[in-house]
């Protein structure tokens, strides 16, 4: 006789919030964005609550986004070695909290706030208290506020990002993509920057005015961000009579754009990764835009997604 046991999905507690036509699901595991929809139509590529996450769907990237070359960096006179969490490229990728449990702090019908205590470890011997606040508004859609406080005894290198894949329910080859950025960052075959950011003018990476993507493959960071009157930079995906838009505030001078070529099954190239980042790939090694979070100091940044 087999005993029946009621359990939870591998992504833990599912926090469902709603406001007007918007609905979102945030997971206990990693405080990730599992679903976001408006009027029942998806705005991001989603995954099942009991499905192992692939290609970082909806994950938060803390205390660094993107890759660190061979997981090695120098900081404050010490050499640090991180585990190579992306063995095929010999990199440490997307931080340390993507599958960690986050604790519920506050819950309202339209909002959820989660927290995580990041303890020091080999490769990152620093101590941070983290919060992720997801809020829905019937007009403005989703706003996400990420915060970090250094509660340790030494200054910590810090960066954050997020990894939603925007969708309009159509293959991205048939969609127009807009990225309000003047420069893009070339990378080598291991997706490590091969030089400084360069002007997008006259290149396939000039997406400032919006154009059909076709079969172009992109996995690059963009900077030199043009911002609206509210200080927001934008990525827009338009197709099938719909537009899904992501904005990022001034705390995020970088946007990674990724065509979902590695997404599993029928989700391949059905979404566009639009990742707000406080620093570029390999920042811990190069020092570019790394935040030096002193003991007691606090950092915050916001981004959001809406249907236009």
C-alpha atoms as a PDB file:
ATOM      1  CA  UNK A   1       0.000   0.000   0.000  1.00  0.00           C
ATOM      2  CA  UNK A   2       1.366   3.405  -0.981  1.00  0.00           C
ATOM      3  CA  UNK A   3       0.861   6.211   1.479  1.00  0.00           C
ATOM      4  CA  UNK A   4      -0.480   9.426  -0.034  1.00  0.00           C
ATOM      5  CA  UNK A   5       1.361  12.548   1.085  1.00  0.00           C
ATOM      6  CA  UNK A   6       0.203  16.060   0.357  1.00  0.00           C
ATOM      7  CA  UNK A   7       3.215  18.139  -0.583  1.00  0.00           C
ATOM      8  CA  UNK A   8       4.157  21.467  -2.117  1.00  0.00           C
ATOM      9  CA  UNK A   9       5.480  22.084  -5.619  1.00  0.00           C
ATOM     10  CA  UNK A  10       9.226  22.428  -5.952  1.00  0.00           C
ATOM     11  CA  UNK A  11       8.954  26.211  -6.286  1.00  0.00           C
ATOM     12  CA  UNK A  12       7.277  26.359  -2.868  1.00  0.00           C
ATOM     13  CA  UNK A  13       4.410  28.584  -1.811  1.00  0.00           C
ATOM     14  CA  UNK A  14       2.667  30.348  -4.704  1.00  0.00           C
ATOM     15  CA  UNK A  15       1.805  33.972  -3.869  1.00  0.00           C
ATOM     16  CA  UNK A  16      -1.074  35.100  -6.098  1.00  0.00           C
ATOM     17  CA  UNK A  17      -1.809  38.835  -6.390  1.00  0.00           C
ATOM     18  CA  UNK A  18      -4.296  40.723  -8.576  1.00  0.00           C
ATOM     19  CA  UNK A  19      -5.478  44.238  -9.417  1.00  0.00           C
ATOM     20  CA  UNK A  20      -8.035  45.102 -12.093  1.00  0.00           C
ATOM     21  CA  UNK A  21      -7.205  43.104 -15.229  1.00  0.00           C
ATOM     22  CA  UNK A  22      -3.737  42.075 -13.959  1.00  0.00           C
ATOM     23  CA  UNK A  23      -2.802  38.880 -12.142  1.00  0.00           C
ATOM     24  CA  UNK A  24       0.634  37.610 -11.051  1.00  0.00           C
ATOM     25  CA  UNK A  25       2.136  34.616  -9.257  1.00  0.00           C
ATOM     26  CA  UNK A  26       5.373  34.969  -7.245  1.00  0.00           C
ATOM     27  CA  UNK A  27       7.146  31.883  -5.916  1.00  0.00           C
ATOM     28  CA  UNK A  28       8.669  31.200  -2.521  1.00  0.00           C
ATOM     29  CA  UNK A  29      11.706  29.785  -4.338  1.00  0.00           C
ATOM     30  CA  UNK A  30      13.862  32.734  -5.336  1.00  0.00           C
ATOM     31  CA  UNK A  31      10.951  35.219  -5.102  1.00  0.00           C
ATOM     32  CA  UNK A  32      10.591  34.600  -8.834  1.00  0.00           C
ATOM     33  CA  UNK A  33       7.873  35.857 -11.162  1.00  0.00           C
ATOM     34  CA  UNK A  34       6.168  32.665 -12.347  1.00  0.00           C
ATOM     35  CA  UNK A  35       3.171  34.235 -14.095  1.00  0.00           C
ATOM     36  CA  UNK A  36       1.984  37.669 -15.157  1.00  0.00           C
ATOM     37  CA  UNK A  37      -1.116  38.227 -17.252  1.00  0.00           C
ATOM     38  CA  UNK A  38      -3.604  40.900 -18.251  1.00  0.00           C
ATOM     39  CA  UNK A  39      -7.177  39.917 -19.084  1.00  0.00           C
ATOM     40  CA  UNK A  40      -6.036  36.307 -19.038  1.00  0.00           C
ATOM     41  CA  UNK A  41      -3.345  36.872 -21.690  1.00  0.00           C
ATOM     42  CA  UNK A  42       0.265  36.162 -20.661  1.00  0.00           C
ATOM     43  CA  UNK A  43       2.769  39.008 -20.532  1.00  0.00           C
ATOM     44  CA  UNK A  44       5.719  36.766 -19.595  1.00  0.00           C
ATOM     45  CA  UNK A  45       6.683  33.210 -20.409  1.00  0.00           C
ATOM     46  CA  UNK A  46       5.511  31.116 -17.472  1.00  0.00           C
ATOM     47  CA  UNK A  47       6.405  27.732 -16.041  1.00  0.00           C
ATOM     48  CA  UNK A  48       4.606  25.116 -13.987  1.00  0.00           C
ATOM     49  CA  UNK A  49       4.911  25.375 -10.206  1.00  0.00           C
ATOM     50  CA  UNK A  50       6.394  21.849 -10.118  1.00  0.00           C
ATOM     51  CA  UNK A  51       8.683  22.342 -13.132  1.00  0.00           C
ATOM     52  CA  UNK A  52      12.447  22.820 -12.754  1.00  0.00           C
ATOM     53  CA  UNK A  53      13.218  26.347 -13.941  1.00  0.00           C
ATOM     54  CA  UNK A  54      15.128  26.537 -17.205  1.00  0.00           C
ATOM     55  CA  UNK A  55      16.878  29.524 -18.806  1.00  0.00           C
ATOM     56  CA  UNK A  56      16.193  31.515 -15.607  1.00  0.00           C
ATOM     57  CA  UNK A  57      12.473  32.159 -16.255  1.00  0.00           C
ATOM     58  CA  UNK A  58      11.383  35.034 -13.981  1.00  0.00           C
ATOM     59  CA  UNK A  59      14.280  34.731 -11.548  1.00  0.00           C
ATOM     60  CA  UNK A  60      15.933  37.434  -9.430  1.00  0.00           C
ATOM     61  CA  UNK A  61      19.693  37.749  -9.944  1.00  0.00           C
ATOM     62  CA  UNK A  62      21.364  38.777  -6.669  1.00  0.00           C
ATOM     63  CA  UNK A  63      24.085  39.728  -5.609  1.00  0.00           C
ATOM     64  CA  UNK A  64      25.237  39.878  -9.225  1.00  0.00           C
ATOM     65  CA  UNK A  65      23.461  39.529 -12.570  1.00  0.00           C
ATOM     66  CA  UNK A  66      24.793  37.661 -15.581  1.00  0.00           C
ATOM     67  CA  UNK A  67      28.237  36.022 -15.603  1.00  0.00           C
ATOM     68  CA  UNK A  68      31.530  36.238 -13.741  1.00  0.00           C
ATOM     69  CA  UNK A  69      34.374  34.873 -15.851  1.00  0.00           C
ATOM     70  CA  UNK A  70      35.585  31.598 -14.295  1.00  0.00           C
ATOM     71  CA  UNK A  71      33.908  32.728 -11.054  1.00  0.00           C
ATOM     72  CA  UNK A  72      37.009  34.626  -9.997  1.00  0.00           C
ATOM     73  CA  UNK A  73      37.290  38.253  -8.880  1.00  0.00           C
ATOM     74  CA  UNK A  74      39.396  40.484  -6.641  1.00  0.00           C
ATOM     75  CA  UNK A  75      37.815  42.744  -4.047  1.00  0.00           C
ATOM     76  CA  UNK A  76      39.311  44.818  -1.254  1.00  0.00           C
ATOM     77  CA  UNK A  77      42.683  43.149  -1.634  1.00  0.00           C
ATOM     78  CA  UNK A  78      41.360  39.569  -1.603  1.00  0.00           C
ATOM     79  CA  UNK A  79      40.843  37.026  -4.366  1.00  0.00           C
ATOM     80  CA  UNK A  80      37.456  35.288  -4.303  1.00  0.00           C
ATOM     81  CA  UNK A  81      36.467  32.089  -6.101  1.00  0.00           C
ATOM     82  CA  UNK A  82      32.787  31.289  -6.708  1.00  0.00           C
ATOM     83  CA  UNK A  83      31.355  27.937  -7.727  1.00  0.00           C
ATOM     84  CA  UNK A  84      31.013  27.575 -11.497  1.00  0.00           C
ATOM     85  CA  UNK A  85      27.228  27.447 -11.714  1.00  0.00           C
ATOM     86  CA  UNK A  86      27.386  27.506 -15.536  1.00  0.00           C
ATOM     87  CA  UNK A  87      30.004  24.807 -16.217  1.00  0.00           C
ATOM     88  CA  UNK A  88      29.705  24.869 -20.018  1.00  0.00           C
ATOM     89  CA  UNK A  89      30.969  28.474 -20.083  1.00  0.00           C
ATOM     90  CA  UNK A  90      33.146  28.152 -16.974  1.00  0.00           C
ATOM     91  CA  UNK A  91      31.246  30.960 -15.290  1.00  0.00           C
ATOM     92  CA  UNK A  92      29.447  31.796 -12.094  1.00  0.00           C
ATOM     93  CA  UNK A  93      26.057  33.000 -13.249  1.00  0.00           C
ATOM     94  CA  UNK A  94      23.107  35.011 -11.899  1.00  0.00           C
ATOM     95  CA  UNK A  95      23.945  35.248  -8.213  1.00  0.00           C
ATOM     96  CA  UNK A  96      23.148  33.080  -5.213  1.00  0.00           C
ATOM     97  CA  UNK A  97      19.434  33.316  -4.418  1.00  0.00           C
ATOM     98  CA  UNK A  98      17.557  31.961  -7.452  1.00  0.00           C
ATOM     99  CA  UNK A  99      16.315  28.812  -5.702  1.00  0.00           C
ATOM    100  CA  UNK A 100      16.626  29.942  -2.072  1.00  0.00           C
ATOM    101  CA  UNK A 101      13.457  30.171   0.053  1.00  0.00           C
ATOM    102  CA  UNK A 102      12.151  33.699   0.582  1.00  0.00           C
ATOM    103  CA  UNK A 103       9.999  34.494   3.617  1.00  0.00           C
ATOM    104  CA  UNK A 104       6.653  36.256   3.413  1.00  0.00           C
ATOM    105  CA  UNK A 105       6.838  39.662   5.126  1.00  0.00           C
ATOM    106  CA  UNK A 106       3.640  41.379   4.013  1.00  0.00           C
ATOM    107  CA  UNK A 107       0.654  40.407   1.898  1.00  0.00           C
ATOM    108  CA  UNK A 108      -2.253  42.367   0.408  1.00  0.00           C
ATOM    109  CA  UNK A 109      -4.581  41.351  -2.443  1.00  0.00           C
ATOM    110  CA  UNK A 110      -2.540  43.382  -4.935  1.00  0.00           C
ATOM    111  CA  UNK A 111       0.912  43.128  -3.340  1.00  0.00           C
ATOM    112  CA  UNK A 112       3.389  40.739  -1.753  1.00  0.00           C
ATOM    113  CA  UNK A 113       6.707  41.483  -0.039  1.00  0.00           C
ATOM    114  CA  UNK A 114       9.277  38.738   0.510  1.00  0.00           C
ATOM    115  CA  UNK A 115      12.641  38.706   2.288  1.00  0.00           C
ATOM    116  CA  UNK A 116      15.786  36.594   2.280  1.00  0.00           C
ATOM    117  CA  UNK A 117      18.875  36.540   4.508  1.00  0.00           C
ATOM    118  CA  UNK A 118      21.934  35.985   2.348  1.00  0.00           C
ATOM    119  CA  UNK A 119      24.621  34.557   4.587  1.00  0.00           C
ATOM    120  CA  UNK A 120      28.306  34.703   3.744  1.00  0.00           C
ATOM    121  CA  UNK A 121      29.957  31.787   1.993  1.00  0.00           C
ATOM    122  CA  UNK A 122      33.112  30.858   0.099  1.00  0.00           C
ATOM    123  CA  UNK A 123      33.413  33.186  -2.861  1.00  0.00           C
ATOM    124  CA  UNK A 124      31.039  35.761  -1.361  1.00  0.00           C
ATOM    125  CA  UNK A 125      31.897  36.268   2.339  1.00  0.00           C
ATOM    126  CA  UNK A 126      29.395  39.076   2.861  1.00  0.00           C
ATOM    127  CA  UNK A 127      26.070  39.345   4.699  1.00  0.00           C
ATOM    128  CA  UNK A 128      23.001  40.962   3.107  1.00  0.00           C
ATOM    129  CA  UNK A 129      19.326  41.304   3.968  1.00  0.00           C
ATOM    130  CA  UNK A 130      17.241  41.308   0.784  1.00  0.00           C
ATOM    131  CA  UNK A 131      13.645  42.262   0.003  1.00  0.00           C
ATOM    132  CA  UNK A 132      11.501  41.906  -3.128  1.00  0.00           C
ATOM    133  CA  UNK A 133       8.232  43.834  -3.303  1.00  0.00           C
ATOM    134  CA  UNK A 134       5.794  42.941  -6.104  1.00  0.00           C
ATOM    135  CA  UNK A 135       2.798  45.256  -6.558  1.00  0.00           C
ATOM    136  CA  UNK A 136       0.052  45.345  -9.193  1.00  0.00           C
ATOM    137  CA  UNK A 137      -1.928  48.389 -10.283  1.00  0.00           C
ATOM    138  CA  UNK A 138      -5.008  48.220 -12.494  1.00  0.00           C
ATOM    139  CA  UNK A 139      -3.556  50.862 -14.854  1.00  0.00           C
ATOM    140  CA  UNK A 140       0.223  50.605 -14.498  1.00  0.00           C
ATOM    141  CA  UNK A 141       0.596  46.845 -14.264  1.00  0.00           C
ATOM    142  CA  UNK A 142       3.457  45.334 -12.273  1.00  0.00           C
ATOM    143  CA  UNK A 143       6.093  47.214 -10.266  1.00  0.00           C
ATOM    144  CA  UNK A 144       8.952  45.303  -8.623  1.00  0.00           C
ATOM    145  CA  UNK A 145      11.159  46.928  -6.011  1.00  0.00           C
ATOM    146  CA  UNK A 146      14.412  45.157  -5.053  1.00  0.00           C
ATOM    147  CA  UNK A 147      16.300  46.193  -1.924  1.00  0.00           C
ATOM    148  CA  UNK A 148      19.526  45.125  -0.226  1.00  0.00           C
ATOM    149  CA  UNK A 149      20.999  46.148   3.115  1.00  0.00           C
ATOM    150  CA  UNK A 150      24.513  45.270   4.194  1.00  0.00           C
ATOM    151  CA  UNK A 151      24.194  43.930   7.742  1.00  0.00           C
ATOM    152  CA  UNK A 152      27.706  42.531   7.772  1.00  0.00           C
ATOM    153  CA  UNK A 153      31.020  43.932   8.962  1.00  0.00           C
ATOM    154  CA  UNK A 154      32.737  44.672   5.654  1.00  0.00           C
ATOM    155  CA  UNK A 155      31.931  46.506   2.433  1.00  0.00           C
ATOM    156  CA  UNK A 156      30.291  44.143  -0.072  1.00  0.00           C
ATOM    157  CA  UNK A 157      30.322  44.200  -3.877  1.00  0.00           C
ATOM    158  CA  UNK A 158      26.716  44.181  -5.032  1.00  0.00           C
ATOM    159  CA  UNK A 159      24.578  44.130  -8.135  1.00  0.00           C
ATOM    160  CA  UNK A 160      21.128  42.873  -9.000  1.00  0.00           C
ATOM    161  CA  UNK A 161      18.991  42.021 -11.974  1.00  0.00           C
ATOM    162  CA  UNK A 162      15.870  40.139 -12.977  1.00  0.00           C
ATOM    163  CA  UNK A 163      15.108  37.679 -15.792  1.00  0.00           C
ATOM    164  CA  UNK A 164      11.532  37.916 -17.134  1.00  0.00           C
ATOM    165  CA  UNK A 165      10.792  36.874 -20.710  1.00  0.00           C
ATOM    166  CA  UNK A 166       8.259  39.196 -22.333  1.00  0.00           C
ATOM    167  CA  UNK A 167       5.654  37.626 -24.600  1.00  0.00           C
ATOM    168  CA  UNK A 168       2.698  38.652 -26.752  1.00  0.00           C
ATOM    169  CA  UNK A 169       1.714  35.088 -27.571  1.00  0.00           C
ATOM    170  CA  UNK A 170       3.439  35.170 -30.983  1.00  0.00           C
ATOM    171  CA  UNK A 171       6.843  33.914 -32.191  1.00  0.00           C
ATOM    172  CA  UNK A 172       9.309  36.748 -31.632  1.00  0.00           C
ATOM    173  CA  UNK A 173      10.550  36.419 -35.242  1.00  0.00           C
ATOM    174  CA  UNK A 174       7.276  38.052 -36.277  1.00  0.00           C
ATOM    175  CA  UNK A 175       7.427  40.783 -33.616  1.00  0.00           C
ATOM    176  CA  UNK A 176       8.903  44.270 -33.485  1.00  0.00           C
ATOM    177  CA  UNK A 177      11.390  44.935 -30.701  1.00  0.00           C
ATOM    178  CA  UNK A 178      12.252  48.337 -29.245  1.00  0.00           C
ATOM    179  CA  UNK A 179      15.193  48.901 -26.873  1.00  0.00           C
ATOM    180  CA  UNK A 180      15.874  52.525 -25.918  1.00  0.00           C
ATOM    181  CA  UNK A 181      19.668  52.094 -25.802  1.00  0.00           C
ATOM    182  CA  UNK A 182      22.503  53.832 -27.678  1.00  0.00           C
ATOM    183  CA  UNK A 183      25.235  51.225 -27.001  1.00  0.00           C
ATOM    184  CA  UNK A 184      25.532  47.439 -26.943  1.00  0.00           C
ATOM    185  CA  UNK A 185      28.167  45.178 -25.382  1.00  0.00           C
ATOM    186  CA  UNK A 186      29.977  42.661 -27.645  1.00  0.00           C
ATOM    187  CA  UNK A 187      30.770  39.271 -26.071  1.00  0.00           C
ATOM    188  CA  UNK A 188      33.001  36.302 -26.916  1.00  0.00           C
ATOM    189  CA  UNK A 189      31.946  32.706 -27.480  1.00  0.00           C
ATOM    190  CA  UNK A 190      31.607  32.210 -23.693  1.00  0.00           C
ATOM    191  CA  UNK A 191      29.346  35.292 -23.449  1.00  0.00           C
ATOM    192  CA  UNK A 192      31.992  37.298 -21.570  1.00  0.00           C
ATOM    193  CA  UNK A 193      32.440  40.933 -22.721  1.00  0.00           C
ATOM    194  CA  UNK A 194      35.146  41.152 -25.389  1.00  0.00           C
ATOM    195  CA  UNK A 195      35.529  44.927 -25.169  1.00  0.00           C
ATOM    196  CA  UNK A 196      33.714  48.100 -24.161  1.00  0.00           C
ATOM    197  CA  UNK A 197      30.129  48.928 -25.148  1.00  0.00           C
ATOM    198  CA  UNK A 198      29.905  50.354 -28.677  1.00  0.00           C
ATOM    199  CA  UNK A 199      27.478  52.536 -30.619  1.00  0.00           C
ATOM    200  CA  UNK A 200      24.451  50.660 -31.977  1.00  0.00           C
ATOM    201  CA  UNK A 201      24.212  52.946 -35.034  1.00  0.00           C
ATOM    202  CA  UNK A 202      24.480  50.987 -38.267  1.00  0.00           C
ATOM    203  CA  UNK A 203      24.449  47.604 -36.498  1.00  0.00           C
ATOM    204  CA  UNK A 204      21.784  44.894 -36.080  1.00  0.00           C
ATOM    205  CA  UNK A 205      21.591  45.989 -32.434  1.00  0.00           C
ATOM    206  CA  UNK A 206      20.043  49.357 -33.225  1.00  0.00           C
ATOM    207  CA  UNK A 207      16.540  48.763 -31.876  1.00  0.00           C
ATOM    208  CA  UNK A 208      15.839  52.328 -30.771  1.00  0.00           C
ATOM    209  CA  UNK A 209      13.039  52.931 -33.245  1.00  0.00           C
ATOM    210  CA  UNK A 210      11.578  49.437 -33.142  1.00  0.00           C
ATOM    211  CA  UNK A 211      11.955  46.904 -35.937  1.00  0.00           C
ATOM    212  CA  UNK A 212      10.967  43.349 -36.773  1.00  0.00           C
ATOM    213  CA  UNK A 213      13.388  40.907 -35.169  1.00  0.00           C
ATOM    214  CA  UNK A 214      13.277  38.150 -37.791  1.00  0.00           C
ATOM    215  CA  UNK A 215      15.655  35.313 -36.956  1.00  0.00           C
ATOM    216  CA  UNK A 216      18.238  37.483 -35.171  1.00  0.00           C
ATOM    217  CA  UNK A 217      19.812  35.869 -32.109  1.00  0.00           C
ATOM    218  CA  UNK A 218      20.655  38.247 -29.267  1.00  0.00           C
ATOM    219  CA  UNK A 219      22.240  37.625 -25.873  1.00  0.00           C
ATOM    220  CA  UNK A 220      23.825  40.990 -25.147  1.00  0.00           C
ATOM    221  CA  UNK A 221      23.735  43.846 -22.678  1.00  0.00           C
ATOM    222  CA  UNK A 222      22.694  47.341 -23.730  1.00  0.00           C
ATOM    223  CA  UNK A 223      23.544  50.650 -22.077  1.00  0.00           C
ATOM    224  CA  UNK A 224      23.511  54.367 -22.861  1.00  0.00           C
ATOM    225  CA  UNK A 225      19.828  54.101 -22.065  1.00  0.00           C
ATOM    226  CA  UNK A 226      17.442  56.780 -23.269  1.00  0.00           C
ATOM    227  CA  UNK A 227      14.882  57.547 -20.581  1.00  0.00           C
ATOM    228  CA  UNK A 228      11.444  59.120 -20.511  1.00  0.00           C
ATOM    229  CA  UNK A 229      10.429  62.084 -18.349  1.00  0.00           C
ATOM    230  CA  UNK A 230       9.972  59.729 -15.393  1.00  0.00           C
ATOM    231  CA  UNK A 231      13.550  58.416 -15.755  1.00  0.00           C
ATOM    232  CA  UNK A 232      12.547  55.023 -17.162  1.00  0.00           C
ATOM    233  CA  UNK A 233      14.283  53.072 -19.945  1.00  0.00           C
ATOM    234  CA  UNK A 234      12.088  50.694 -21.978  1.00  0.00           C
ATOM    235  CA  UNK A 235      12.027  47.393 -23.831  1.00  0.00           C
ATOM    236  CA  UNK A 236       8.905  46.742 -25.923  1.00  0.00           C
ATOM    237  CA  UNK A 237       7.762  43.618 -27.737  1.00  0.00           C
ATOM    238  CA  UNK A 238       4.962  44.202 -30.271  1.00  0.00           C
ATOM    239  CA  UNK A 239       3.079  41.636 -32.314  1.00  0.00           C
ATOM    240  CA  UNK A 240      -0.347  40.179 -32.962  1.00  0.00           C
ATOM    241  CA  UNK A 241      -2.009  43.464 -32.049  1.00  0.00           C
ATOM    242  CA  UNK A 242      -0.419  43.483 -28.585  1.00  0.00           C
ATOM    243  CA  UNK A 243       2.538  45.209 -26.895  1.00  0.00           C
ATOM    244  CA  UNK A 244       4.221  44.044 -23.706  1.00  0.00           C
ATOM    245  CA  UNK A 245       6.618  46.601 -22.218  1.00  0.00           C
ATOM    246  CA  UNK A 246       9.264  46.484 -19.502  1.00  0.00           C
ATOM    247  CA  UNK A 247      10.650  49.616 -17.851  1.00  0.00           C
ATOM    248  CA  UNK A 248      13.646  50.082 -15.555  1.00  0.00           C
ATOM    249  CA  UNK A 249      14.480  53.043 -13.329  1.00  0.00           C
ATOM    250  CA  UNK A 250      17.774  54.932 -13.094  1.00  0.00           C
ATOM    251  CA  UNK A 251      19.213  52.347 -10.663  1.00  0.00           C
ATOM    252  CA  UNK A 252      19.521  50.090 -13.725  1.00  0.00           C
ATOM    253  CA  UNK A 253      21.952  51.529 -16.315  1.00  0.00           C
ATOM    254  CA  UNK A 254      22.022  48.198 -18.188  1.00  0.00           C
ATOM    255  CA  UNK A 255      19.457  46.016 -19.951  1.00  0.00           C
ATOM    256  CA  UNK A 256      20.260  42.487 -21.095  1.00  0.00           C
ATOM    257  CA  UNK A 257      18.210  41.357 -24.097  1.00  0.00           C
ATOM    258  CA  UNK A 258      17.948  37.623 -24.824  1.00  0.00           C
ATOM    259  CA  UNK A 259      16.054  35.876 -27.583  1.00  0.00           C
ATOM    260  CA  UNK A 260      14.610  32.727 -26.028  1.00  0.00           C
ATOM    261  CA  UNK A 261      16.508  30.318 -28.288  1.00  0.00           C
ATOM    262  CA  UNK A 262      17.300  27.984 -25.383  1.00  0.00           C
ATOM    263  CA  UNK A 263      13.781  27.951 -23.930  1.00  0.00           C
ATOM    264  CA  UNK A 264      12.322  24.450 -23.697  1.00  0.00           C
ATOM    265  CA  UNK A 265       9.748  22.950 -26.040  1.00  0.00           C
ATOM    266  CA  UNK A 266       7.154  25.191 -27.612  1.00  0.00           C
ATOM    267  CA  UNK A 267       8.424  28.203 -25.652  1.00  0.00           C
ATOM    268  CA  UNK A 268      11.526  28.506 -27.833  1.00  0.00           C
ATOM    269  CA  UNK A 269      11.613  32.009 -29.409  1.00  0.00           C
ATOM    270  CA  UNK A 270       8.163  32.748 -28.013  1.00  0.00           C
ATOM    271  CA  UNK A 271       9.571  35.284 -25.568  1.00  0.00           C
ATOM    272  CA  UNK A 272      12.189  38.013 -25.290  1.00  0.00           C
ATOM    273  CA  UNK A 273      14.358  38.162 -22.190  1.00  0.00           C
ATOM    274  CA  UNK A 274      14.415  41.761 -20.960  1.00  0.00           C
ATOM    275  CA  UNK A 275      16.653  41.988 -17.915  1.00  0.00           C
ATOM    276  CA  UNK A 276      17.107  45.203 -15.921  1.00  0.00           C
ATOM    277  CA  UNK A 277      20.615  45.163 -14.408  1.00  0.00           C
ATOM    278  CA  UNK A 278      22.581  47.447 -12.120  1.00  0.00           C
ATOM    279  CA  UNK A 279      25.865  46.347 -13.712  1.00  0.00           C
ATOM    280  CA  UNK A 280      27.073  44.563 -16.867  1.00  0.00           C
ATOM    281  CA  UNK A 281      28.289  40.979 -17.327  1.00  0.00           C
ATOM    282  CA  UNK A 282      31.556  40.204 -15.509  1.00  0.00           C
ATOM    283  CA  UNK A 283      31.224  43.332 -13.386  1.00  0.00           C
ATOM    284  CA  UNK A 284      32.781  41.823 -10.253  1.00  0.00           C
ATOM    285  CA  UNK A 285      35.929  41.126 -12.270  1.00  0.00           C
ATOM    286  CA  UNK A 286      36.045  44.460 -14.137  1.00  0.00           C
ATOM    287  CA  UNK A 287      34.592  46.715 -11.438  1.00  0.00           C
ATOM    288  CA  UNK A 288      32.242  48.403 -13.949  1.00  0.00           C
ATOM    289  CA  UNK A 289      29.188  49.820 -12.146  1.00  0.00           C
ATOM    290  CA  UNK A 290      29.653  47.563  -9.116  1.00  0.00           C
ATOM    291  CA  UNK A 291      27.837  48.954  -6.073  1.00  0.00           C
ATOM    292  CA  UNK A 292      30.111  49.153  -3.007  1.00  0.00           C
ATOM    293  CA  UNK A 293      27.644  48.482  -0.212  1.00  0.00           C
ATOM    294  CA  UNK A 294      29.164  49.587   3.089  1.00  0.00           C
ATOM    295  CA  UNK A 295      28.073  48.119   6.426  1.00  0.00           C
ATOM    296  CA  UNK A 296      24.655  49.528   7.244  1.00  0.00           C
ATOM    297  CA  UNK A 297      24.146  50.891   3.717  1.00  0.00           C
ATOM    298  CA  UNK A 298      21.028  50.237   1.674  1.00  0.00           C
ATOM    299  CA  UNK A 299      20.404  50.022  -2.078  1.00  0.00           C
ATOM    300  CA  UNK A 300      17.120  49.846  -3.967  1.00  0.00           C
ATOM    301  CA  UNK A 301      15.919  49.820  -7.566  1.00  0.00           C
ATOM    302  CA  UNK A 302      12.608  49.331  -9.360  1.00  0.00           C
ATOM    303  CA  UNK A 303      11.377  47.932 -12.650  1.00  0.00           C
ATOM    304  CA  UNK A 304       8.025  46.867 -14.030  1.00  0.00           C
ATOM    305  CA  UNK A 305       5.982  45.272 -16.808  1.00  0.00           C
ATOM    306  CA  UNK A 306       2.715  46.370 -18.362  1.00  0.00           C
ATOM    307  CA  UNK A 307       0.526  45.827 -21.405  1.00  0.00           C
ATOM    308  CA  UNK A 308       0.281  48.877 -23.663  1.00  0.00           C
END
